[in-house]
C-alpha atoms as a PDB file:
ATOM      1  CA  MET A   1     -26.906 124.979 -54.832  1.00  0.00           C
ATOM      2  CA  PRO A   2     -23.827 125.503 -57.020  1.00  0.00           C
ATOM      3  CA  TYR A   3     -24.226 126.954 -60.460  1.00  0.00           C
ATOM      4  CA  SER A   4     -22.950 125.010 -63.468  1.00  0.00           C
ATOM      5  CA  LEU A   5     -21.228 127.015 -66.165  1.00  0.00           C
ATOM      6  CA  CYS A   6     -20.084 123.940 -68.083  1.00  0.00           C
ATOM      7  CA  GLY A   7     -22.933 124.036 -70.569  1.00  0.00           C
ATOM      8  CA  SER A   8     -21.584 127.111 -72.310  1.00  0.00           C
ATOM      9  CA  SER A   9     -18.335 125.403 -73.299  1.00  0.00           C
ATOM     10  CA  VAL A  10     -19.199 121.787 -74.047  1.00  0.00           C
ATOM     11  CA  SER A  11     -21.321 119.865 -76.522  1.00  0.00           C
ATOM     12  CA  ASN A  12     -24.347 117.686 -76.038  1.00  0.00           C
ATOM     13  CA  LEU A  13     -23.592 113.997 -76.166  1.00  0.00           C
ATOM     14  CA  GLY A  14     -26.312 112.742 -78.454  1.00  0.00           C
ATOM     15  CA  GLU A  15     -24.886 110.562 -81.212  1.00  0.00           C
ATOM     16  CA  GLN A  16     -25.463 111.017 -84.925  1.00  0.00           C
ATOM     17  CA  GLN A  17     -26.716 107.990 -86.788  1.00  0.00           C
ATOM     18  CA  CYS A  18     -24.243 106.621 -89.337  1.00  0.00           C
ATOM     19  CA  ASP A  19     -21.352 108.661 -87.962  1.00  0.00           C
ATOM     20  CA  LYS A  20     -17.951 107.255 -88.903  1.00  0.00           C
ATOM     21  CA  SER A  21     -15.020 106.049 -86.855  1.00  0.00           C
ATOM     22  CA  ARG A  22     -11.641 105.129 -88.257  1.00  0.00           C
ATOM     23  CA  GLY A  23     -11.472 101.586 -89.569  1.00  0.00           C
ATOM     24  CA  VAL A  24      -8.395  99.517 -90.365  1.00  0.00           C
ATOM     25  CA  ILE A  25      -6.100 101.753 -92.423  1.00  0.00           C
ATOM     26  CA  LYS A  26      -5.493 100.238 -95.882  1.00  0.00           C
ATOM     27  CA  LYS A  27      -3.848 103.035 -97.857  1.00  0.00           C
ATOM     28  CA  LEU A  28      -1.829 106.162 -97.140  1.00  0.00           C
ATOM     29  CA  PHE A  29      -1.357 109.129 -99.443  1.00  0.00           C
ATOM     30  CA  ILE A  30       1.398 111.690 -99.006  1.00  0.00           C
ATOM     31  CA  PHE A  31      -0.269 114.976 -99.906  1.00  0.00           C
ATOM     32  CA  ASN A  32       1.388 118.277 -99.077  1.00  0.00           C
ATOM     33  CA  GLY A  33      -1.156 120.365-100.957  1.00  0.00           C
ATOM     34  CA  SER A  34      -4.795 121.185-100.262  1.00  0.00           C
ATOM     35  CA  ILE A  35      -8.229 120.577-101.741  1.00  0.00           C
ATOM     36  CA  ALA A  36     -10.725 123.425-102.072  1.00  0.00           C
ATOM     37  CA  ALA A  37     -14.187 123.170-100.526  1.00  0.00           C
ATOM     38  CA  ALA A  38     -15.865 123.024-103.930  1.00  0.00           C
ATOM     39  CA  ASP A  39     -13.892 119.861-104.646  1.00  0.00           C
ATOM     40  CA  TYR A  40     -15.143 118.002-101.578  1.00  0.00           C
ATOM     41  CA  ALA A  41     -18.754 119.164-101.790  1.00  0.00           C
ATOM     42  CA  ASP A  42     -19.634 115.527-102.526  1.00  0.00           C
ATOM     43  CA  PRO A  43     -17.724 112.219-102.431  1.00  0.00           C
ATOM     44  CA  ALA A  44     -17.436 111.947-106.223  1.00  0.00           C
ATOM     45  CA  SER A  45     -15.737 115.345-106.478  1.00  0.00           C
ATOM     46  CA  PHE A  46     -13.253 114.479-103.738  1.00  0.00           C
ATOM     47  CA  LEU A  47     -12.278 111.167-105.350  1.00  0.00           C
ATOM     48  CA  ALA A  48     -11.972 112.812-108.766  1.00  0.00           C
ATOM     49  CA  LYS A  49      -9.637 115.439-107.324  1.00  0.00           C
ATOM     50  CA  MET A  50      -7.479 112.795-105.643  1.00  0.00           C
ATOM     51  CA  VAL A  51      -7.231 110.905-108.956  1.00  0.00           C
ATOM     52  CA  GLU A  52      -6.373 114.118-110.804  1.00  0.00           C
ATOM     53  CA  TYR A  53      -3.718 115.142-108.290  1.00  0.00           C
ATOM     54  CA  SER A  54      -2.074 111.713-108.371  1.00  0.00           C
ATOM     55  CA  LYS A  55      -1.297 112.264-112.052  1.00  0.00           C
ATOM     56  CA  LEU A  56       0.408 115.611-111.558  1.00  0.00           C
ATOM     57  CA  PRO A  57       4.198 115.945-112.002  1.00  0.00           C
ATOM     58  CA  LYS A  58       6.043 115.390-108.736  1.00  0.00           C
ATOM     59  CA  SER A  59       7.147 119.046-108.743  1.00  0.00           C
ATOM     60  CA  SER A  60       3.519 120.157-108.358  1.00  0.00           C
ATOM     61  CA  ALA A  61       2.458 121.549-104.973  1.00  0.00           C
ATOM     62  CA  ASN A  62      -0.731 119.456-105.075  1.00  0.00           C
ATOM     63  CA  LYS A  63       0.886 116.168-106.068  1.00  0.00           C
ATOM     64  CA  VAL A  64      -0.562 113.040-104.405  1.00  0.00           C
ATOM     65  CA  PHE A  65       2.006 110.287-103.770  1.00  0.00           C
ATOM     66  CA  VAL A  66       0.544 106.813-103.240  1.00  0.00           C
ATOM     67  CA  LEU A  67       2.046 104.258-100.872  1.00  0.00           C
ATOM     68  CA  ASN A  68       1.513 100.570-101.595  1.00  0.00           C
ATOM     69  CA  GLU A  69      -1.416  98.925 -99.814  1.00  0.00           C
ATOM     70  CA  ILE A  70      -0.777  98.174 -96.153  1.00  0.00           C
ATOM     71  CA  GLN A  71      -0.343  94.476 -95.342  1.00  0.00           C
ATOM     72  CA  ASP A  72       0.171  94.805 -91.573  1.00  0.00           C
ATOM     73  CA  ILE A  73      -0.478  97.585 -89.092  1.00  0.00           C
ATOM     74  CA  ALA A  74       0.277  97.997 -85.385  1.00  0.00           C
ATOM     75  CA  ASP A  75      -0.408 100.826 -82.965  1.00  0.00           C
ATOM     76  CA  ASN A  76       2.681 102.893 -82.180  1.00  0.00           C
ATOM     77  CA  ALA A  77       1.133 105.815 -80.298  1.00  0.00           C
ATOM     78  CA  GLU A  78       3.249 107.611 -77.744  1.00  0.00           C
ATOM     79  CA  ALA A  79       2.220 106.791 -74.173  1.00  0.00           C
ATOM     80  CA  ASP A  80       0.304 109.462 -72.242  1.00  0.00           C
ATOM     81  CA  LYS A  81       2.295 111.284 -69.585  1.00  0.00           C
ATOM     82  CA  GLU A  82       0.510 110.819 -66.288  1.00  0.00           C
ATOM     83  CA  GLY A  83       0.815 112.232 -62.790  1.00  0.00           C
ATOM     84  CA  SER A  84      -0.605 111.158 -59.449  1.00  0.00           C
ATOM     85  CA  LEU A  85      -0.999 112.215 -55.852  1.00  0.00           C
ATOM     86  CA  ASN A  86       0.056 109.877 -53.056  1.00  0.00           C
ATOM     87  CA  GLN A  87      -3.530 109.309 -51.989  1.00  0.00           C
ATOM     88  CA  GLY A  88      -4.265 107.699 -55.328  1.00  0.00           C
ATOM     89  CA  PHE A  89      -5.663 110.410 -57.632  1.00  0.00           C
ATOM     90  CA  LYS A  90      -4.224 109.982 -61.119  1.00  0.00           C
ATOM     91  CA  ALA A  91      -4.573 112.262 -64.130  1.00  0.00           C
ATOM     92  CA  THR A  92      -3.364 112.479 -67.723  1.00  0.00           C
ATOM     93  CA  LEU A  93      -1.045 115.469 -67.951  1.00  0.00           C
ATOM     94  CA  VAL A  94       0.022 115.270 -71.608  1.00  0.00           C
ATOM     95  CA  GLU A  95      -1.717 113.170 -74.229  1.00  0.00           C
ATOM     96  CA  GLY A  96       0.619 110.979 -76.280  1.00  0.00           C
ATOM     97  CA  LYS A  97       0.852 111.649 -79.993  1.00  0.00           C
ATOM     98  CA  PRO A  98      -0.754 109.081 -82.311  1.00  0.00           C
ATOM     99  CA  GLY A  99       1.207 106.844 -84.659  1.00  0.00           C
ATOM    100  CA  TYR A 100       1.454 103.342 -86.081  1.00  0.00           C
ATOM    101  CA  LYS A 101       3.834 100.934 -87.757  1.00  0.00           C
ATOM    102  CA  ILE A 102       2.936  99.495 -91.136  1.00  0.00           C
ATOM    103  CA  LYS A 103       4.312  96.875 -93.496  1.00  0.00           C
ATOM    104  CA  THR A 104       4.047  97.105 -97.271  1.00  0.00           C
ATOM    105  CA  PHE A 105       5.556  95.103-100.100  1.00  0.00           C
ATOM    106  CA  GLY A 106       8.250  96.536-102.361  1.00  0.00           C
ATOM    107  CA  GLY A 107      11.651  95.839-103.829  1.00  0.00           C
ATOM    108  CA  SER A 108      15.058  97.397-103.305  1.00  0.00           C
ATOM    109  CA  ASP A 109      14.447 100.384-105.551  1.00  0.00           C
ATOM    110  CA  LEU A 110      11.081 101.278-104.007  1.00  0.00           C
ATOM    111  CA  THR A 111      12.630 101.025-100.541  1.00  0.00           C
ATOM    112  CA  LYS A 112      15.259 103.582-101.551  1.00  0.00           C
ATOM    113  CA  ARG A 113      12.609 105.904-102.945  1.00  0.00           C
ATOM    114  CA  LEU A 114      10.553 105.693 -99.756  1.00  0.00           C
ATOM    115  CA  ARG A 115      13.622 106.359 -97.627  1.00  0.00           C
ATOM    116  CA  MET A 116      14.027 109.721 -99.377  1.00  0.00           C
ATOM    117  CA  TRP A 117      10.944 110.783 -97.369  1.00  0.00           C
ATOM    118  CA  ASN A 118      12.483 109.770 -94.022  1.00  0.00           C
ATOM    119  CA  ASN A 119      12.009 112.386 -91.270  1.00  0.00           C
ATOM    120  CA  GLN A 120      10.667 115.033 -93.625  1.00  0.00           C
ATOM    121  CA  ASN A 121       7.676 117.103 -92.550  1.00  0.00           C
ATOM    122  CA  ILE A 122       4.831 115.762 -94.664  1.00  0.00           C
ATOM    123  CA  LYS A 123       1.049 115.506 -94.618  1.00  0.00           C
ATOM    124  CA  ILE A 124      -0.846 112.229 -94.888  1.00  0.00           C
ATOM    125  CA  ILE A 125      -4.383 111.341 -95.969  1.00  0.00           C
ATOM    126  CA  GLU A 126      -5.673 108.014 -94.652  1.00  0.00           C
ATOM    127  CA  TYR A 127      -8.019 105.590 -96.406  1.00  0.00           C
ATOM    128  CA  ASP A 128      -9.578 102.815 -94.336  1.00  0.00           C
ATOM    129  CA  ALA A 129     -11.107  99.411 -94.991  1.00  0.00           C
ATOM    130  CA  ASN A 130     -14.603 100.927 -94.817  1.00  0.00           C
ATOM    131  CA  GLY A 131     -13.926 103.013 -97.921  1.00  0.00           C
ATOM    132  CA  VAL A 132     -13.519 106.268 -96.005  1.00  0.00           C
ATOM    133  CA  PHE A 133     -10.880 108.988 -96.477  1.00  0.00           C
ATOM    134  CA  TRP A 134      -9.656 110.861 -93.369  1.00  0.00           C
ATOM    135  CA  VAL A 135      -8.369 114.435 -93.613  1.00  0.00           C
ATOM    136  CA  VAL A 136      -8.232 117.642 -91.601  1.00  0.00           C
ATOM    137  CA  GLU A 137     -10.217 120.739 -92.591  1.00  0.00           C
ATOM    138  CA  LYS A 138      -8.766 124.211 -92.110  1.00  0.00           C
ATOM    139  CA  SER A 139     -10.080 127.485 -93.531  1.00  0.00           C
ATOM    140  CA  SER A 140     -12.462 125.686 -95.890  1.00  0.00           C
ATOM    141  CA  ARG A 141      -9.733 123.508 -97.396  1.00  0.00           C
ATOM    142  CA  ALA A 142      -8.886 119.849 -96.842  1.00  0.00           C
ATOM    143  CA  TYR A 143      -5.346 118.828 -95.902  1.00  0.00           C
ATOM    144  CA  GLY A 144      -3.507 115.733 -94.810  1.00  0.00           C
ATOM    145  CA  PHE A 145      -2.453 115.225 -91.186  1.00  0.00           C
ATOM    146  CA  SER A 146       0.981 116.617 -90.249  1.00  0.00           C
ATOM    147  CA  ALA A 147       3.349 113.683 -89.866  1.00  0.00           C
ATOM    148  CA  LYS A 148       6.797 112.204 -90.269  1.00  0.00           C
ATOM    149  CA  ILE A 149       7.559 108.768 -91.661  1.00  0.00           C
ATOM    150  CA  PHE A 150      10.615 106.530 -91.508  1.00  0.00           C
ATOM    151  CA  SER A 151      11.035 103.496 -93.763  1.00  0.00           C
ATOM    152  CA  LYS A 152      13.512 100.663 -93.719  1.00  0.00           C
ATOM    153  CA  GLY A 153      13.716  97.293 -95.388  1.00  0.00           C
ATOM    154  CA  ASN A 154      15.483  95.159 -97.981  1.00  0.00           C
ATOM    155  CA  LYS A 155      17.042  93.071 -95.240  1.00  0.00           C
ATOM    156  CA  ALA A 156      18.060  89.476 -95.869  1.00  0.00           C
ATOM    157  CA  ALA A 157      15.134  87.153 -95.192  1.00  0.00           C
ATOM    158  CA  THR A 158      15.546  84.527 -92.476  1.00  0.00           C
ATOM    159  CA  GLY A 159      12.762  82.205 -93.600  1.00  0.00           C
ATOM    160  CA  GLN A 160      11.125  82.413 -90.174  1.00  0.00           C
ATOM    161  CA  ASN A 161       8.328  84.719 -91.278  1.00  0.00           C
ATOM    162  CA  VAL A 162       7.116  86.729 -94.275  1.00  0.00           C
ATOM    163  CA  GLU A 163      10.139  89.002 -94.646  1.00  0.00           C
ATOM    164  CA  GLU A 164      11.203  89.051 -98.293  1.00  0.00           C
ATOM    165  CA  GLY A 165      10.152  92.278 -99.976  1.00  0.00           C
ATOM    166  CA  VAL A 166       8.665  93.724 -96.784  1.00  0.00           C
ATOM    167  CA  ILE A 167       9.144  97.451 -96.142  1.00  0.00           C
ATOM    168  CA  ASP A 168       8.701  98.607 -92.529  1.00  0.00           C
ATOM    169  CA  THR A 169       7.441 102.170 -92.154  1.00  0.00           C
ATOM    170  CA  THR A 170       6.826 104.070 -88.934  1.00  0.00           C
ATOM    171  CA  VAL A 171       4.246 106.864 -89.130  1.00  0.00           C
ATOM    172  CA  GLY A 172       4.180 109.495 -86.399  1.00  0.00           C
ATOM    173  CA  PHE A 173       1.642 112.327 -86.264  1.00  0.00           C
ATOM    174  CA  LEU A 174       2.756 115.709 -84.983  1.00  0.00           C
ATOM    175  CA  SER A 175      -0.479 117.058 -83.524  1.00  0.00           C
ATOM    176  CA  THR A 176      -2.983 115.246 -81.309  1.00  0.00           C
ATOM    177  CA  SER A 177      -5.585 117.987 -81.706  1.00  0.00           C
ATOM    178  CA  GLU A 178      -5.300 117.898 -85.487  1.00  0.00           C
ATOM    179  CA  TYR A 179      -5.460 114.108 -85.674  1.00  0.00           C
ATOM    180  CA  TYR A 180      -8.212 113.509 -83.109  1.00  0.00           C
ATOM    181  CA  ASP A 181     -10.199 116.730 -82.667  1.00  0.00           C
ATOM    182  CA  ASN A 182     -10.184 118.138 -86.191  1.00  0.00           C
ATOM    183  CA  ALA A 183     -10.346 114.993 -88.334  1.00  0.00           C
ATOM    184  CA  LYS A 184     -13.020 114.944 -91.038  1.00  0.00           C
ATOM    185  CA  TRP A 185     -14.108 112.078 -93.249  1.00  0.00           C
ATOM    186  CA  VAL A 186     -15.471 111.620 -96.744  1.00  0.00           C
ATOM    187  CA  GLU A 187     -16.861 108.385 -98.116  1.00  0.00           C
ATOM    188  CA  THR A 188     -15.946 106.746-101.397  1.00  0.00           C
ATOM    189  CA  VAL A 189     -18.753 107.310-103.881  1.00  0.00           C
ATOM    190  CA  GLU A 190     -20.673 104.220-104.941  1.00  0.00           C
ATOM    191  CA  GLY A 191     -18.932 102.821-107.990  1.00  0.00           C
ATOM    192  CA  GLY A 192     -15.826 104.887-107.239  1.00  0.00           C
ATOM    193  CA  ASN A 193     -12.496 103.105-107.349  1.00  0.00           C
ATOM    194  CA  VAL A 194      -9.705 104.146-104.990  1.00  0.00           C
ATOM    195  CA  GLU A 195      -7.306 102.262-107.257  1.00  0.00           C
ATOM    196  CA  ASP A 196      -7.774 105.057-109.800  1.00  0.00           C
ATOM    197  CA  ILE A 197      -5.507 107.085-107.498  1.00  0.00           C
ATOM    198  CA  VAL A 198      -2.258 105.871-108.997  1.00  0.00           C
ATOM    199  CA  SER A 199       1.419 105.984-108.190  1.00  0.00           C
ATOM    200  CA  LEU A 200       3.671 107.054-111.066  1.00  0.00           C
ATOM    201  CA  LEU A 201       6.985 105.572-112.151  1.00  0.00           C
ATOM    202  CA  ASP A 202       9.934 107.819-113.001  1.00  0.00           C
ATOM    203  CA  VAL A 203      11.229 107.267-116.535  1.00  0.00           C
ATOM    204  CA  LYS A 204      14.379 109.175-117.463  1.00  0.00           C
ATOM    205  CA  MET A 205      15.052 110.526-120.928  1.00  0.00           C
ATOM    206  CA  THR A 206      18.710 109.639-121.478  1.00  0.00           C
ATOM    207  CA  TYR A 207      20.995 111.036-124.164  1.00  0.00           C
ATOM    208  CA  VAL A 208      22.491 108.365-126.442  1.00  0.00           C
ATOM    209  CA  SER A 209      24.032 110.131-129.454  1.00  0.00           C
ATOM    210  CA  LYS A 210      23.564 113.010-131.894  1.00  0.00           C
ATOM    211  CA  SER A 211      24.193 114.019-135.476  1.00  0.00           C
ATOM    212  CA  THR A 212      23.940 117.795-135.872  1.00  0.00           C
ATOM    213  CA  ASN A 213      20.329 118.620-134.901  1.00  0.00           C
ATOM    214  CA  VAL A 214      19.168 114.986-134.645  1.00  0.00           C
ATOM    215  CA  TYR A 215      19.366 113.384-131.176  1.00  0.00           C
ATOM    216  CA  LYS A 216      18.800 109.833-129.975  1.00  0.00           C
ATOM    217  CA  ILE A 217      17.082 109.622-126.592  1.00  0.00           C
ATOM    218  CA  LYS A 218      16.379 106.449-124.629  1.00  0.00           C
ATOM    219  CA  LEU A 219      13.539 106.110-122.137  1.00  0.00           C
ATOM    220  CA  GLU A 220      14.898 104.314-119.097  1.00  0.00           C
ATOM    221  CA  VAL A 221      13.722 103.340-115.629  1.00  0.00           C
ATOM    222  CA  PRO A 222      16.516 103.918-113.092  1.00  0.00           C
ATOM    223  CA  GLY A 223      16.853 101.304-110.390  1.00  0.00           C
ATOM    224  CA  SER A 224      19.089  99.092-108.287  1.00  0.00           C
ATOM    225  CA  ASN A 225      20.125  96.678-111.039  1.00  0.00           C
ATOM    226  CA  LEU A 226      23.929  96.713-111.225  1.00  0.00           C
ATOM    227  CA  VAL A 227      23.813  96.053-114.971  1.00  0.00           C
ATOM    228  CA  GLY A 228      22.075  99.368-115.531  1.00  0.00           C
ATOM    229  CA  PRO A 229      18.681 101.024-116.026  1.00  0.00           C
ATOM    230  CA  TYR A 230      15.790  99.259-117.727  1.00  0.00           C
ATOM    231  CA  ASN A 231      14.869 100.433-121.234  1.00  0.00           C
ATOM    232  CA  ILE A 232      11.075 100.558-121.445  1.00  0.00           C
ATOM    233  CA  PHE A 233      11.315  99.541-125.114  1.00  0.00           C
ATOM    234  CA  GLU A 234      11.965  96.024-123.823  1.00  0.00           C
ATOM    235  CA  SER A 235       8.644  95.841-121.993  1.00  0.00           C
ATOM    236  CA  ASP A 236       6.443  95.642-125.081  1.00  0.00           C
ATOM    237  CA  GLY A 237       8.671  95.641-128.146  1.00  0.00           C
ATOM    238  CA  GLY A 238       8.518  99.391-128.599  1.00  0.00           C
ATOM    239  CA  VAL A 239       4.750  99.942-128.366  1.00  0.00           C
ATOM    240  CA  THR A 240       5.116 102.389-125.467  1.00  0.00           C
ATOM    241  CA  VAL A 241       8.035 104.227-127.094  1.00  0.00           C
ATOM    242  CA  ALA A 242       5.940 104.615-130.266  1.00  0.00           C
ATOM    243  CA  ALA A 243       3.047 105.949-128.154  1.00  0.00           C
ATOM    244  CA  VAL A 244       5.392 108.493-126.586  1.00  0.00           C
ATOM    245  CA  ALA A 245       6.654 109.553-130.027  1.00  0.00           C
ATOM    246  CA  ALA A 246       3.047 110.050-131.150  1.00  0.00           C
ATOM    247  CA  LEU A 247       2.758 112.773-128.503  1.00  0.00           C
ATOM    248  CA  SER A 248       5.410 114.892-130.232  1.00  0.00           C
ATOM    249  CA  ALA A 249       3.212 118.007-130.126  1.00  0.00           C
ATOM    250  CA  SER A 250       3.332 117.883-126.312  1.00  0.00           C
ATOM    251  CA  PHE A 251       7.149 117.984-126.125  1.00  0.00           C
ATOM    252  CA  SER A 252       9.030 121.257-125.902  1.00  0.00           C
ATOM    253  CA  ALA A 253      12.609 122.512-125.782  1.00  0.00           C
ATOM    254  CA  GLY A 254      14.203 125.746-124.635  1.00  0.00           C
ATOM    255  CA  SER A 255      17.619 127.348-124.474  1.00  0.00           C
ATOM    256  CA  GLY A 256      19.149 130.492-122.996  1.00  0.00           C
ATOM    257  CA  THR A 257      18.530 132.004-119.575  1.00  0.00           C
ATOM    258  CA  GLY A 258      16.170 129.775-117.644  1.00  0.00           C
ATOM    259  CA  TYR A 259      15.756 127.798-120.867  1.00  0.00           C
ATOM    260  CA  GLY A 260      13.184 130.401-121.784  1.00  0.00           C
ATOM    261  CA  THR A 261      14.027 130.723-125.500  1.00  0.00           C
ATOM    262  CA  SER A 262      11.966 128.260-127.503  1.00  0.00           C
ATOM    263  CA  LEU A 263      13.795 125.703-129.624  1.00  0.00           C
ATOM    264  CA  PRO A 264      11.233 124.281-132.075  1.00  0.00           C
ATOM    265  CA  ILE A 265      11.009 120.522-132.550  1.00  0.00           C
ATOM    266  CA  THR A 266      10.594 119.301-136.124  1.00  0.00           C
ATOM    267  CA  SER A 267       9.721 115.681-135.415  1.00  0.00           C
ATOM    268  CA  ILE A 268       9.917 112.807-132.937  1.00  0.00           C
ATOM    269  CA  ALA A 269       9.916 109.191-134.056  1.00  0.00           C
ATOM    270  CA  ALA A 270      10.655 105.757-132.606  1.00  0.00           C
ATOM    271  CA  ASP A 271      13.994 104.151-133.550  1.00  0.00           C
ATOM    272  CA  ASN A 272      13.413 100.396-133.279  1.00  0.00           C
ATOM    273  CA  THR A 273      17.072  99.599-133.926  1.00  0.00           C
ATOM    274  CA  LEU A 274      18.511 101.706-131.110  1.00  0.00           C
ATOM    275  CA  LYS A 275      15.350 101.222-129.046  1.00  0.00           C
ATOM    276  CA  ALA A 276      15.142 104.981-128.583  1.00  0.00           C
ATOM    277  CA  LEU A 277      13.466 108.165-129.759  1.00  0.00           C
ATOM    278  CA  THR A 278      14.816 110.111-132.710  1.00  0.00           C
ATOM    279  CA  VAL A 279      14.317 113.801-131.934  1.00  0.00           C
ATOM    280  CA  THR A 280      14.926 116.356-134.694  1.00  0.00           C
ATOM    281  CA  PHE A 281      15.185 120.009-133.719  1.00  0.00           C
ATOM    282  CA  ASP A 282      14.526 122.853-136.133  1.00  0.00           C
ATOM    283  CA  SER A 283      17.730 123.221-138.179  1.00  0.00           C
ATOM    284  CA  THR A 284      17.631 127.014-138.397  1.00  0.00           C
ATOM    285  CA  ALA A 285      17.035 127.604-134.662  1.00  0.00           C
ATOM    286  CA  PHE A 286      19.509 124.882-133.758  1.00  0.00           C
ATOM    287  CA  GLY A 287      22.138 126.479-136.009  1.00  0.00           C
ATOM    288  CA  LEU A 288      21.865 129.728-134.069  1.00  0.00           C
ATOM    289  CA  LEU A 289      22.926 128.035-130.828  1.00  0.00           C
ATOM    290  CA  SER A 290      26.561 128.460-129.900  1.00  0.00           C
ATOM    291  CA  SER A 291      28.770 125.376-129.739  1.00  0.00           C
ATOM    292  CA  GLY A 292      28.392 123.691-126.360  1.00  0.00           C
ATOM    293  CA  ALA A 293      25.135 125.505-125.594  1.00  0.00           C
ATOM    294  CA  LYS A 294      22.792 123.633-123.292  1.00  0.00           C
ATOM    295  CA  PHE A 295      19.056 123.322-123.800  1.00  0.00           C
ATOM    296  CA  LEU A 296      16.223 121.658-121.888  1.00  0.00           C
ATOM    297  CA  PHE A 297      14.143 118.952-123.557  1.00  0.00           C
ATOM    298  CA  THR A 298      10.797 118.679-121.746  1.00  0.00           C
ATOM    299  CA  PRO A 299       8.370 115.754-122.147  1.00  0.00           C
ATOM    300  CA  PRO A 300       4.559 115.641-121.952  1.00  0.00           C
ATOM    301  CA  THR A 301       3.002 115.808-118.491  1.00  0.00           C
ATOM    302  CA  PRO A 302       1.729 112.596-116.845  1.00  0.00           C
ATOM    303  CA  VAL A 303      -1.831 113.622-117.773  1.00  0.00           C
ATOM    304  CA  GLN A 304      -0.832 114.055-121.417  1.00  0.00           C
ATOM    305  CA  LEU A 305       0.958 110.708-121.330  1.00  0.00           C
ATOM    306  CA  ASP A 306      -2.133 109.135-119.795  1.00  0.00           C
ATOM    307  CA  GLY A 307      -4.202 110.501-122.677  1.00  0.00           C
ATOM    308  CA  GLY A 308      -1.782 108.865-125.111  1.00  0.00           C
ATOM    309  CA  ASN A 309      -2.135 105.485-123.350  1.00  0.00           C
ATOM    310  CA  VAL A 310       1.250 105.773-121.641  1.00  0.00           C
ATOM    311  CA  LEU A 311      -0.098 105.041-118.187  1.00  0.00           C
ATOM    312  CA  GLU A 312       1.233 105.632-114.663  1.00  0.00           C
ATOM    313  CA  THR A 313       4.403 107.257-115.988  1.00  0.00           C
ATOM    314  CA  GLU A 314       6.262 110.500-115.395  1.00  0.00           C
ATOM    315  CA  LEU A 315       8.914 111.262-118.013  1.00  0.00           C
ATOM    316  CA  LEU A 316      11.770 113.341-116.613  1.00  0.00           C
ATOM    317  CA  SER A 317      13.267 116.249-118.542  1.00  0.00           C
ATOM    318  CA  VAL A 318      16.842 116.078-119.817  1.00  0.00           C
ATOM    319  CA  VAL A 319      19.426 118.804-120.460  1.00  0.00           C
ATOM    320  CA  LEU A 320      21.124 118.337-123.846  1.00  0.00           C
ATOM    321  CA  THR A 321      24.264 119.938-125.251  1.00  0.00           C
ATOM    322  CA  LYS A 322      24.810 121.163-128.814  1.00  0.00           C
END
């Protein structure tokens, strides 16, 4: 009888109880960093790390970017390449790469921001309707799946379907083995809230005017409005601007090569008339700067802003001129 050598290279086919399969995908996270094994030792640790990483500055290697919740999803996997013999035998020669098309809601500005990711090499973590995250594990670290995305939208609605505010995004995965054979899952801890993984809004610090070492800085949300950016002072009558000013100890400024020479800040206060911040730099240090010298004014991090009740915000640094 023939000998079977298959057993040395395959697995048994008994099924684990309570094993997971991918459910309907509800959320996607762009995550080009990695999570250490100690941080996914249990579901609570993994969720906490995802929440923490979502509040990092966008320049951070471990930043988590959150896409809006998926409203519609359709399979867009590449077809398998097949071959056959003329007597009827047919075989799969190359497995098609996985992918899907999704629809999310968003306005003109969000569409533009998403399109900045078009055709870039990124990594994606999935979250499904069963409360399960899907990742790939390599060298005792968790990563997203290698992918490319392409978004389009902000077309004129025809009134024939739900079209207004719909962003169409195509997601294509680059590796079948990574996506199918090396996928790992982690559940959401009981009582855990995936909505704690937040997307941040860019708020620019914009120069308004100056008088010697005293500068006026507005906090503005850039967007598609032809009239101009939106001053966040208008959102709550200055409450948020006052909260930002209260974090004065977390601001910094620097001049010189690489902006590495500290420029002390004397005070930061809210100006309710100009709807801006009043930033006063140390008069002695400021006086030592040459005329026309540039210096970098750096805000608190998103985590520091969060601690000051300025939520889901990333303030962007501004270069000022003496």
